PDB file of N, CA and C in Angstrom:
ATOM      1  N   MET A   1     148.858 248.522 -76.883  1.00  0.00           N
ATOM      2  CA  MET A   1     147.510 248.062 -76.231  1.00  0.00           C
ATOM      3  C   MET A   1     147.005 246.990 -77.135  1.00  0.00           C
ATOM      4  N   GLN A   2     146.469 245.803 -76.402  1.00  0.00           N
ATOM      5  CA  GLN A   2     145.959 244.662 -76.964  1.00  0.00           C
ATOM      6  C   GLN A   2     144.475 244.853 -77.426  1.00  0.00           C
ATOM      7  N   LYS A   3     144.217 244.393 -78.591  1.00  0.00           N
ATOM      8  CA  LYS A   3     142.874 244.460 -79.133  1.00  0.00           C
ATOM      9  C   LYS A   3     141.991 243.553 -78.358  1.00  0.00           C
ATOM     10  N   LYS A   4     140.779 244.116 -78.002  1.00  0.00           N
ATOM     11  CA  LYS A   4     139.701 243.323 -77.442  1.00  0.00           C
ATOM     12  C   LYS A   4     138.975 242.279 -78.468  1.00  0.00           C
ATOM     13  N   GLN A   5     138.865 240.987 -78.151  1.00  0.00           N
ATOM     14  CA  GLN A   5     138.268 240.032 -79.009  1.00  0.00           C
ATOM     15  C   GLN A   5     136.783 240.051 -78.653  1.00  0.00           C
ATOM     16  N   SER A   6     135.985 239.778 -79.754  1.00  0.00           N
ATOM     17  CA  SER A   6     134.501 239.592 -79.558  1.00  0.00           C
ATOM     18  C   SER A   6     134.328 238.307 -78.792  1.00  0.00           C
ATOM     19  N   GLY A   7     133.304 238.323 -77.997  1.00  0.00           N
ATOM     20  CA  GLY A   7     132.983 237.084 -77.329  1.00  0.00           C
ATOM     21  C   GLY A   7     132.416 235.929 -78.099  1.00  0.00           C
ATOM     22  N   LEU A   8     132.062 236.219 -79.313  1.00  0.00           N
ATOM     23  CA  LEU A   8     131.532 235.220 -80.299  1.00  0.00           C
ATOM     24  C   LEU A   8     132.627 234.406 -80.904  1.00  0.00           C
ATOM     25  N   SER A   9     132.488 233.116 -81.181  1.00  0.00           N
ATOM     26  CA  SER A   9     133.433 232.554 -82.093  1.00  0.00           C
ATOM     27  C   SER A   9     133.200 233.008 -83.553  1.00  0.00           C
ATOM     28  N   LEU A  10     134.295 232.734 -84.415  1.00  0.00           N
ATOM     29  CA  LEU A  10     134.109 233.019 -85.742  1.00  0.00           C
ATOM     30  C   LEU A  10     132.882 232.306 -86.402  1.00  0.00           C
ATOM     31  N   GLU A  11     132.600 231.082 -86.065  1.00  0.00           N
ATOM     32  CA  GLU A  11     131.551 230.308 -86.638  1.00  0.00           C
ATOM     33  C   GLU A  11     130.290 231.082 -86.234  1.00  0.00           C
ATOM     34  N   ALA A  12     129.942 231.386 -84.986  1.00  0.00           N
ATOM     35  CA  ALA A  12     128.804 232.053 -84.516  1.00  0.00           C
ATOM     36  C   ALA A  12     128.664 233.418 -85.203  1.00  0.00           C
ATOM     37  N   ALA A  13     129.752 234.160 -85.373  1.00  0.00           N
ATOM     38  CA  ALA A  13     129.672 235.374 -86.015  1.00  0.00           C
ATOM     39  C   ALA A  13     129.285 235.283 -87.491  1.00  0.00           C
ATOM     40  N   GLU A  14     129.798 234.198 -88.187  1.00  0.00           N
ATOM     41  CA  GLU A  14     129.364 233.992 -89.484  1.00  0.00           C
ATOM     42  C   GLU A  14     127.969 233.620 -89.638  1.00  0.00           C
ATOM     43  N   THR A  15     127.415 232.940 -88.631  1.00  0.00           N
ATOM     44  CA  THR A  15     125.991 232.421 -88.568  1.00  0.00           C
ATOM     45  C   THR A  15     125.203 233.779 -88.448  1.00  0.00           C
ATOM     46  N   VAL A  16     125.547 234.669 -87.612  1.00  0.00           N
ATOM     47  CA  VAL A  16     124.811 235.883 -87.514  1.00  0.00           C
ATOM     48  C   VAL A  16     124.740 236.680 -88.812  1.00  0.00           C
ATOM     49  N   GLY A  17     126.034 236.754 -89.437  1.00  0.00           N
ATOM     50  CA  GLY A  17     126.074 237.449 -90.729  1.00  0.00           C
ATOM     51  C   GLY A  17     125.194 236.801 -91.794  1.00  0.00           C
ATOM     52  N   ILE A  18     125.150 235.380 -91.838  1.00  0.00           N
ATOM     53  CA  ILE A  18     124.356 234.720 -92.840  1.00  0.00           C
ATOM     54  C   ILE A  18     122.784 234.960 -92.525  1.00  0.00           C
ATOM     55  N   GLN A  19     122.478 235.063 -91.061  1.00  0.00           N
ATOM     56  CA  GLN A  19     121.126 235.424 -90.774  1.00  0.00           C
ATOM     57  C   GLN A  19     120.752 236.796 -91.344  1.00  0.00           C
ATOM     58  N   ALA A  20     121.764 237.792 -91.148  1.00  0.00           N
ATOM     59  CA  ALA A  20     121.554 239.115 -91.579  1.00  0.00           C
ATOM     60  C   ALA A  20     121.238 239.092 -93.163  1.00  0.00           C
ATOM     61  N   LEU A  21     122.048 238.371 -93.774  1.00  0.00           N
ATOM     62  CA  LEU A  21     121.858 238.343 -95.271  1.00  0.00           C
ATOM     63  C   LEU A  21     120.435 237.778 -95.687  1.00  0.00           C
ATOM     64  N   GLY A  22     119.980 236.757 -94.982  1.00  0.00           N
ATOM     65  CA  GLY A  22     118.693 236.375 -95.104  1.00  0.00           C
ATOM     66  C   GLY A  22     117.582 237.349 -94.801  1.00  0.00           C
ATOM     67  N   PHE A  23     117.850 238.037 -93.704  1.00  0.00           N
ATOM     68  CA  PHE A  23     116.988 239.272 -93.473  1.00  0.00           C
ATOM     69  C   PHE A  23     116.934 240.247 -94.462  1.00  0.00           C
ATOM     70  N   LEU A  24     118.030 240.647 -95.040  1.00  0.00           N
ATOM     71  CA  LEU A  24     118.090 241.557 -96.043  1.00  0.00           C
ATOM     72  C   LEU A  24     117.306 241.074 -97.412  1.00  0.00           C
ATOM     73  N   SER A  25     117.580 239.703 -97.751  1.00  0.00           N
ATOM     74  CA  SER A  25     116.933 239.089 -98.830  1.00  0.00           C
ATOM     75  C   SER A  25     115.485 238.984 -98.729  1.00  0.00           C
ATOM     76  N   SER A  26     114.881 238.891 -97.586  1.00  0.00           N
ATOM     77  CA  SER A  26     113.483 238.831 -97.434  1.00  0.00           C
ATOM     78  C   SER A  26     112.770 240.172 -97.771  1.00  0.00           C
ATOM     79  N   ASP A  27     113.431 241.263 -97.947  1.00  0.00           N
ATOM     80  CA  ASP A  27     112.889 242.556 -98.123  1.00  0.00           C
ATOM     81  C   ASP A  27     113.482 243.165 -99.496  1.00  0.00           C
ATOM     82  N   SER A  28     112.808 243.155-100.533  1.00  0.00           N
ATOM     83  CA  SER A  28     113.420 243.517-101.824  1.00  0.00           C
ATOM     84  C   SER A  28     113.853 244.974-101.787  1.00  0.00           C
ATOM     85  N   GLU A  29     113.156 245.953-101.123  1.00  0.00           N
ATOM     86  CA  GLU A  29     113.584 247.229-101.199  1.00  0.00           C
ATOM     87  C   GLU A  29     114.845 247.408-100.309  1.00  0.00           C
ATOM     88  N   LEU A  30     114.921 246.685 -99.198  1.00  0.00           N
ATOM     89  CA  LEU A  30     116.098 246.761 -98.376  1.00  0.00           C
ATOM     90  C   LEU A  30     117.307 246.097 -99.068  1.00  0.00           C
ATOM     91  N   LEU A  31     117.122 244.975 -99.731  1.00  0.00           N
ATOM     92  CA  LEU A  31     118.124 244.274-100.448  1.00  0.00           C
ATOM     93  C   LEU A  31     118.622 245.194-101.622  1.00  0.00           C
ATOM     94  N   GLY A  32     117.757 245.857-102.321  1.00  0.00           N
ATOM     95  CA  GLY A  32     118.019 246.760-103.473  1.00  0.00           C
ATOM     96  C   GLY A  32     118.862 247.868-102.928  1.00  0.00           C
ATOM     97  N   ARG A  33     118.609 248.506-101.757  1.00  0.00           N
ATOM     98  CA  ARG A  33     119.461 249.514-101.154  1.00  0.00           C
ATOM     99  C   ARG A  33     120.829 248.982-100.828  1.00  0.00           C
ATOM    100  N   PHE A  34     120.980 247.847-100.307  1.00  0.00           N
ATOM    101  CA  PHE A  34     122.192 247.068 -99.948  1.00  0.00           C
ATOM    102  C   PHE A  34     122.989 246.967-101.365  1.00  0.00           C
ATOM    103  N   LEU A  35     122.329 246.353-102.292  1.00  0.00           N
ATOM    104  CA  LEU A  35     123.019 246.130-103.540  1.00  0.00           C
ATOM    105  C   LEU A  35     123.570 247.418-104.226  1.00  0.00           C
ATOM    106  N   ALA A  36     122.654 248.480-104.152  1.00  0.00           N
ATOM    107  CA  ALA A  36     123.184 249.682-104.718  1.00  0.00           C
ATOM    108  C   ALA A  36     124.504 250.308-104.054  1.00  0.00           C
ATOM    109  N   LEU A  37     124.477 250.222-102.628  1.00  0.00           N
ATOM    110  CA  LEU A  37     125.514 250.675-101.883  1.00  0.00           C
ATOM    111  C   LEU A  37     126.898 249.843-102.107  1.00  0.00           C
ATOM    112  N   SER A  38     126.663 248.469-102.233  1.00  0.00           N
ATOM    113  CA  SER A  38     127.793 247.635-102.262  1.00  0.00           C
ATOM    114  C   SER A  38     128.243 247.472-103.686  1.00  0.00           C
ATOM    115  N   GLY A  39     127.518 247.792-104.678  1.00  0.00           N
ATOM    116  CA  GLY A  39     127.906 247.639-106.094  1.00  0.00           C
ATOM    117  C   GLY A  39     127.853 246.224-106.571  1.00  0.00           C
ATOM    118  N   LEU A  40     127.219 245.393-105.778  1.00  0.00           N
ATOM    119  CA  LEU A  40     127.112 243.889-106.133  1.00  0.00           C
ATOM    120  C   LEU A  40     125.641 243.763-106.802  1.00  0.00           C
ATOM    121  N   ASP A  41     125.598 242.654-107.647  1.00  0.00           N
ATOM    122  CA  ASP A  41     124.309 242.117-108.016  1.00  0.00           C
ATOM    123  C   ASP A  41     124.023 240.805-107.301  1.00  0.00           C
ATOM    124  N   ALA A  42     122.914 240.153-107.671  1.00  0.00           N
ATOM    125  CA  ALA A  42     122.620 238.870-106.970  1.00  0.00           C
ATOM    126  C   ALA A  42     123.683 237.827-107.292  1.00  0.00           C
ATOM    127  N   ASN A  43     124.234 237.797-108.464  1.00  0.00           N
ATOM    128  CA  ASN A  43     125.382 236.856-108.880  1.00  0.00           C
ATOM    129  C   ASN A  43     126.556 237.064-107.971  1.00  0.00           C
ATOM    130  N   GLY A  44     126.795 238.465-107.904  1.00  0.00           N
ATOM    131  CA  GLY A  44     128.014 238.906-107.032  1.00  0.00           C
ATOM    132  C   GLY A  44     127.865 238.419-105.607  1.00  0.00           C
ATOM    133  N   ILE A  45     126.702 238.417-105.050  1.00  0.00           N
ATOM    134  CA  ILE A  45     126.483 238.111-103.603  1.00  0.00           C
ATOM    135  C   ILE A  45     126.751 236.477-103.571  1.00  0.00           C
ATOM    136  N   ARG A  46     126.286 235.725-104.557  1.00  0.00           N
ATOM    137  CA  ARG A  46     126.483 234.282-104.410  1.00  0.00           C
ATOM    138  C   ARG A  46     128.034 233.939-104.387  1.00  0.00           C
ATOM    139  N   ASP A  47     128.813 234.868-105.109  1.00  0.00           N
ATOM    140  CA  ASP A  47     130.273 234.580-105.143  1.00  0.00           C
ATOM    141  C   ASP A  47     130.925 234.810-103.944  1.00  0.00           C
ATOM    142  N   VAL A  48     130.421 235.866-103.066  1.00  0.00           N
ATOM    143  CA  VAL A  48     131.124 236.255-101.847  1.00  0.00           C
ATOM    144  C   VAL A  48     130.281 236.019-100.533  1.00  0.00           C
ATOM    145  N   ALA A  49     129.265 235.258-100.665  1.00  0.00           N
ATOM    146  CA  ALA A  49     128.296 235.227 -99.408  1.00  0.00           C
ATOM    147  C   ALA A  49     128.958 234.599 -98.301  1.00  0.00           C
ATOM    148  N   SER A  50     129.919 233.770 -98.401  1.00  0.00           N
ATOM    149  CA  SER A  50     130.495 233.070 -97.275  1.00  0.00           C
ATOM    150  C   SER A  50     131.834 233.705 -96.824  1.00  0.00           C
ATOM    151  N   GLU A  51     132.170 234.775 -97.379  1.00  0.00           N
ATOM    152  CA  GLU A  51     133.458 235.355 -96.992  1.00  0.00           C
ATOM    153  C   GLU A  51     133.101 236.425 -95.782  1.00  0.00           C
ATOM    154  N   PRO A  52     133.928 236.232 -94.790  1.00  0.00           N
ATOM    155  CA  PRO A  52     133.647 237.031 -93.465  1.00  0.00           C
ATOM    156  C   PRO A  52     133.719 238.516 -93.837  1.00  0.00           C
ATOM    157  N   SER A  53     134.463 238.944 -94.773  1.00  0.00           N
ATOM    158  CA  SER A  53     134.450 240.488 -94.881  1.00  0.00           C
ATOM    159  C   SER A  53     133.168 240.929 -95.592  1.00  0.00           C
ATOM    160  N   PHE A  54     132.498 240.099 -96.396  1.00  0.00           N
ATOM    161  CA  PHE A  54     131.255 240.395 -96.949  1.00  0.00           C
ATOM    162  C   PHE A  54     130.249 240.312 -95.925  1.00  0.00           C
ATOM    163  N   LEU A  55     130.282 239.273 -95.061  1.00  0.00           N
ATOM    164  CA  LEU A  55     129.255 239.216 -93.992  1.00  0.00           C
ATOM    165  C   LEU A  55     129.355 240.378 -93.028  1.00  0.00           C
ATOM    166  N   ALA A  56     130.611 240.822 -92.799  1.00  0.00           N
ATOM    167  CA  ALA A  56     130.779 242.001 -91.974  1.00  0.00           C
ATOM    168  C   ALA A  56     130.186 243.228 -92.650  1.00  0.00           C
ATOM    169  N   ALA A  57     130.268 243.376 -93.891  1.00  0.00           N
ATOM    170  CA  ALA A  57     129.560 244.481 -94.655  1.00  0.00           C
ATOM    171  C   ALA A  57     128.088 244.483 -94.505  1.00  0.00           C
ATOM    172  N   VAL A  58     127.585 243.161 -94.451  1.00  0.00           N
ATOM    173  CA  VAL A  58     126.048 243.073 -94.386  1.00  0.00           C
ATOM    174  C   VAL A  58     125.683 243.558 -92.904  1.00  0.00           C
ATOM    175  N   LEU A  59     126.475 243.092 -92.007  1.00  0.00           N
ATOM    176  CA  LEU A  59     126.100 243.546 -90.610  1.00  0.00           C
ATOM    177  C   LEU A  59     126.307 245.132 -90.414  1.00  0.00           C
ATOM    178  N   ASP A  60     127.338 245.673 -91.101  1.00  0.00           N
ATOM    179  CA  ASP A  60     127.674 247.057 -91.007  1.00  0.00           C
ATOM    180  C   ASP A  60     126.515 247.906 -91.619  1.00  0.00           C
ATOM    181  N   PHE A  61     125.868 247.369 -92.680  1.00  0.00           N
ATOM    182  CA  PHE A  61     124.792 247.996 -93.464  1.00  0.00           C
ATOM    183  C   PHE A  61     123.641 248.147 -92.380  1.00  0.00           C
ATOM    184  N   LEU A  62     123.324 247.026 -91.659  1.00  0.00           N
ATOM    185  CA  LEU A  62     122.207 246.946 -90.678  1.00  0.00           C
ATOM    186  C   LEU A  62     122.659 247.917 -89.512  1.00  0.00           C
ATOM    187  N   LEU A  63     123.844 247.853 -89.066  1.00  0.00           N
ATOM    188  CA  LEU A  63     124.246 248.706 -87.903  1.00  0.00           C
ATOM    189  C   LEU A  63     124.219 250.192 -88.152  1.00  0.00           C
ATOM    190  N   CYS A  64     124.114 250.505 -89.412  1.00  0.00           N
ATOM    191  CA  CYS A  64     123.917 252.027 -89.727  1.00  0.00           C
ATOM    192  C   CYS A  64     122.611 252.631 -89.452  1.00  0.00           C
ATOM    193  N   ASP A  65     121.676 251.722 -89.119  1.00  0.00           N
ATOM    194  CA  ASP A  65     120.234 252.218 -88.933  1.00  0.00           C
ATOM    195  C   ASP A  65     119.741 251.492 -87.678  1.00  0.00           C
ATOM    196  N   ASP A  66     119.486 252.198 -86.767  1.00  0.00           N
ATOM    197  CA  ASP A  66     118.913 251.513 -85.435  1.00  0.00           C
ATOM    198  C   ASP A  66     117.714 250.815 -85.643  1.00  0.00           C
ATOM    199  N   SER A  67     116.769 251.382 -86.521  1.00  0.00           N
ATOM    200  CA  SER A  67     115.602 250.525 -86.621  1.00  0.00           C
ATOM    201  C   SER A  67     115.768 249.163 -87.327  1.00  0.00           C
ATOM    202  N   LEU A  68     116.667 249.238 -88.231  1.00  0.00           N
ATOM    203  CA  LEU A  68     117.075 247.994 -89.006  1.00  0.00           C
ATOM    204  C   LEU A  68     117.700 246.955 -88.049  1.00  0.00           C
ATOM    205  N   ILE A  69     118.598 247.454 -87.263  1.00  0.00           N
ATOM    206  CA  ILE A  69     119.281 246.510 -86.381  1.00  0.00           C
ATOM    207  C   ILE A  69     118.353 245.942 -85.285  1.00  0.00           C
ATOM    208  N   LEU A  70     117.519 246.768 -84.914  1.00  0.00           N
ATOM    209  CA  LEU A  70     116.494 246.335 -83.832  1.00  0.00           C
ATOM    210  C   LEU A  70     115.514 245.246 -84.402  1.00  0.00           C
ATOM    211  N   ALA A  71     115.111 245.497 -85.621  1.00  0.00           N
ATOM    212  CA  ALA A  71     114.127 244.695 -86.343  1.00  0.00           C
ATOM    213  C   ALA A  71     114.953 243.337 -86.785  1.00  0.00           C
ATOM    214  N   PHE A  72     116.066 243.335 -87.122  1.00  0.00           N
ATOM    215  CA  PHE A  72     116.782 242.107 -87.258  1.00  0.00           C
ATOM    216  C   PHE A  72     117.074 241.339 -86.136  1.00  0.00           C
ATOM    217  N   ALA A  73     117.512 242.006 -85.086  1.00  0.00           N
ATOM    218  CA  ALA A  73     117.771 241.373 -83.735  1.00  0.00           C
ATOM    219  C   ALA A  73     116.477 240.748 -83.275  1.00  0.00           C
ATOM    220  N   SER A  74     115.408 241.350 -83.331  1.00  0.00           N
ATOM    221  CA  SER A  74     114.053 240.828 -82.883  1.00  0.00           C
ATOM    222  C   SER A  74     113.592 239.606 -83.762  1.00  0.00           C
ATOM    223  N   ASN A  75     113.758 239.845 -85.052  1.00  0.00           N
ATOM    224  CA  ASN A  75     113.468 238.743 -86.033  1.00  0.00           C
ATOM    225  C   ASN A  75     114.236 237.471 -85.796  1.00  0.00           C
ATOM    226  N   SER A  76     115.513 237.649 -85.377  1.00  0.00           N
ATOM    227  CA  SER A  76     116.422 236.565 -85.243  1.00  0.00           C
ATOM    228  C   SER A  76     116.522 236.054 -83.893  1.00  0.00           C
ATOM    229  N   ALA A  77     115.936 236.698 -82.904  1.00  0.00           N
ATOM    230  CA  ALA A  77     115.975 236.388 -81.583  1.00  0.00           C
ATOM    231  C   ALA A  77     117.357 236.430 -80.960  1.00  0.00           C
ATOM    232  N   ILE A  78     118.078 237.425 -81.313  1.00  0.00           N
ATOM    233  CA  ILE A  78     119.338 237.687 -80.824  1.00  0.00           C
ATOM    234  C   ILE A  78     119.462 239.096 -80.267  1.00  0.00           C
ATOM    235  N   ALA A  79     120.454 239.286 -79.407  1.00  0.00           N
ATOM    236  CA  ALA A  79     120.629 240.660 -78.697  1.00  0.00           C
ATOM    237  C   ALA A  79     121.291 241.566 -79.851  1.00  0.00           C
ATOM    238  N   PRO A  80     120.946 242.762 -79.799  1.00  0.00           N
ATOM    239  CA  PRO A  80     121.575 243.720 -80.725  1.00  0.00           C
ATOM    240  C   PRO A  80     123.215 243.765 -80.443  1.00  0.00           C
ATOM    241  N   GLU A  81     123.617 243.581 -79.201  1.00  0.00           N
ATOM    242  CA  GLU A  81     124.909 243.589 -78.852  1.00  0.00           C
ATOM    243  C   GLU A  81     125.645 242.385 -79.491  1.00  0.00           C
ATOM    244  N   ASP A  82     124.960 241.269 -79.754  1.00  0.00           N
ATOM    245  CA  ASP A  82     125.727 240.339 -80.376  1.00  0.00           C
ATOM    246  C   ASP A  82     125.874 240.500 -81.881  1.00  0.00           C
ATOM    247  N   VAL A  83     125.042 241.350 -82.381  1.00  0.00           N
ATOM    248  CA  VAL A  83     125.295 241.786 -83.873  1.00  0.00           C
ATOM    249  C   VAL A  83     126.591 242.556 -83.859  1.00  0.00           C
ATOM    250  N   VAL A  84     126.730 243.495 -82.945  1.00  0.00           N
ATOM    251  CA  VAL A  84     128.017 244.251 -83.008  1.00  0.00           C
ATOM    252  C   VAL A  84     129.199 243.317 -82.615  1.00  0.00           C
ATOM    253  N   SER A  85     129.025 242.395 -81.799  1.00  0.00           N
ATOM    254  CA  SER A  85     130.013 241.458 -81.458  1.00  0.00           C
ATOM    255  C   SER A  85     130.446 240.639 -82.691  1.00  0.00           C
ATOM    256  N   ALA A  86     129.448 240.163 -83.563  1.00  0.00           N
ATOM    257  CA  ALA A  86     129.729 239.471 -84.732  1.00  0.00           C
ATOM    258  C   ALA A  86     130.472 240.265 -85.732  1.00  0.00           C
ATOM    259  N   LYS A  87     130.035 241.518 -85.814  1.00  0.00           N
ATOM    260  CA  LYS A  87     130.679 242.461 -86.841  1.00  0.00           C
ATOM    261  C   LYS A  87     132.227 242.606 -86.335  1.00  0.00           C
ATOM    262  N   MET A  88     132.488 242.806 -85.056  1.00  0.00           N
ATOM    263  CA  MET A  88     133.819 242.969 -84.634  1.00  0.00           C
ATOM    264  C   MET A  88     134.602 241.638 -84.903  1.00  0.00           C
ATOM    265  N   ARG A  89     134.072 240.453 -84.731  1.00  0.00           N
ATOM    266  CA  ARG A  89     134.713 239.212 -84.932  1.00  0.00           C
ATOM    267  C   ARG A  89     135.090 238.988 -86.462  1.00  0.00           C
ATOM    268  N   LEU A  90     134.090 239.342 -87.297  1.00  0.00           N
ATOM    269  CA  LEU A  90     134.264 239.117 -88.769  1.00  0.00           C
ATOM    270  C   LEU A  90     135.198 240.147 -89.326  1.00  0.00           C
ATOM    271  N   ASP A  91     135.408 241.365 -88.745  1.00  0.00           N
ATOM    272  CA  ASP A  91     136.244 242.451 -89.290  1.00  0.00           C
ATOM    273  C   ASP A  91     136.698 243.322 -88.150  1.00  0.00           C
ATOM    274  N   PRO A  92     137.641 242.630 -87.350  1.00  0.00           N
ATOM    275  CA  PRO A  92     138.146 243.310 -86.177  1.00  0.00           C
ATOM    276  C   PRO A  92     138.886 244.689 -86.393  1.00  0.00           C
ATOM    277  N   MET A  93     139.538 244.778 -87.566  1.00  0.00           N
ATOM    278  CA  MET A  93     140.253 246.029 -87.922  1.00  0.00           C
ATOM    279  C   MET A  93     139.182 247.248 -88.273  1.00  0.00           C
ATOM    280  N   SER A  94     137.993 246.965 -88.531  1.00  0.00           N
ATOM    281  CA  SER A  94     136.969 248.109 -88.751  1.00  0.00           C
ATOM    282  C   SER A  94     136.780 248.770 -87.557  1.00  0.00           C
ATOM    283  N   MET A  95     136.862 248.224 -86.374  1.00  0.00           N
ATOM    284  CA  MET A  95     136.581 248.867 -85.145  1.00  0.00           C
ATOM    285  C   MET A  95     137.822 249.491 -84.419  1.00  0.00           C
ATOM    286  N   ALA A  96     139.037 249.006 -84.868  1.00  0.00           N
ATOM    287  CA  ALA A  96     140.240 249.283 -84.333  1.00  0.00           C
ATOM    288  C   ALA A  96     140.563 250.771 -84.372  1.00  0.00           C
ATOM    289  N   ASN A  97     140.255 251.516 -85.465  1.00  0.00           N
ATOM    290  CA  ASN A  97     140.503 252.902 -85.671  1.00  0.00           C
ATOM    291  C   ASN A  97     139.360 253.879 -85.095  1.00  0.00           C
ATOM    292  N   THR A  98     138.369 253.209 -84.466  1.00  0.00           N
ATOM    293  CA  THR A  98     137.351 254.130 -83.927  1.00  0.00           C
ATOM    294  C   THR A  98     137.476 254.471 -82.540  1.00  0.00           C
ATOM    295  N   GLY A  99     138.331 253.722 -81.872  1.00  0.00           N
ATOM    296  CA  GLY A  99     138.473 253.879 -80.432  1.00  0.00           C
ATOM    297  C   GLY A  99     137.582 253.122 -79.603  1.00  0.00           C
ATOM    298  N   ALA A 100     136.725 252.266 -80.381  1.00  0.00           N
ATOM    299  CA  ALA A 100     135.700 251.479 -79.735  1.00  0.00           C
ATOM    300  C   ALA A 100     136.243 250.274 -79.039  1.00  0.00           C
ATOM    301  N   LEU A 101     137.567 249.919 -79.273  1.00  0.00           N
ATOM    302  CA  LEU A 101     138.141 248.755 -78.597  1.00  0.00           C
ATOM    303  C   LEU A 101     138.858 249.132 -77.539  1.00  0.00           C
TER     304      LEU A 101
END
């Protein structure tokens, strides 16, 4: 079975991931939760901020909470479905084992 590709380009998916990182960074409590779960600190984020796998992890963090993903999508003027598409483009293997593809 062939894997379904996200409709977003890699560049567009990275842009969504960077927007999501900015969204997290604007809320110190939310950023603190993300840092605690990821095991990173602010310096660590700087080192990996442009890596697709890290940006996918940022999106995954938001996608675990419906209220967060809706707030991010509204704040960024993008459809929640585009956040899912960006996650799939940045880390296609994360969805492969869920049967979502």
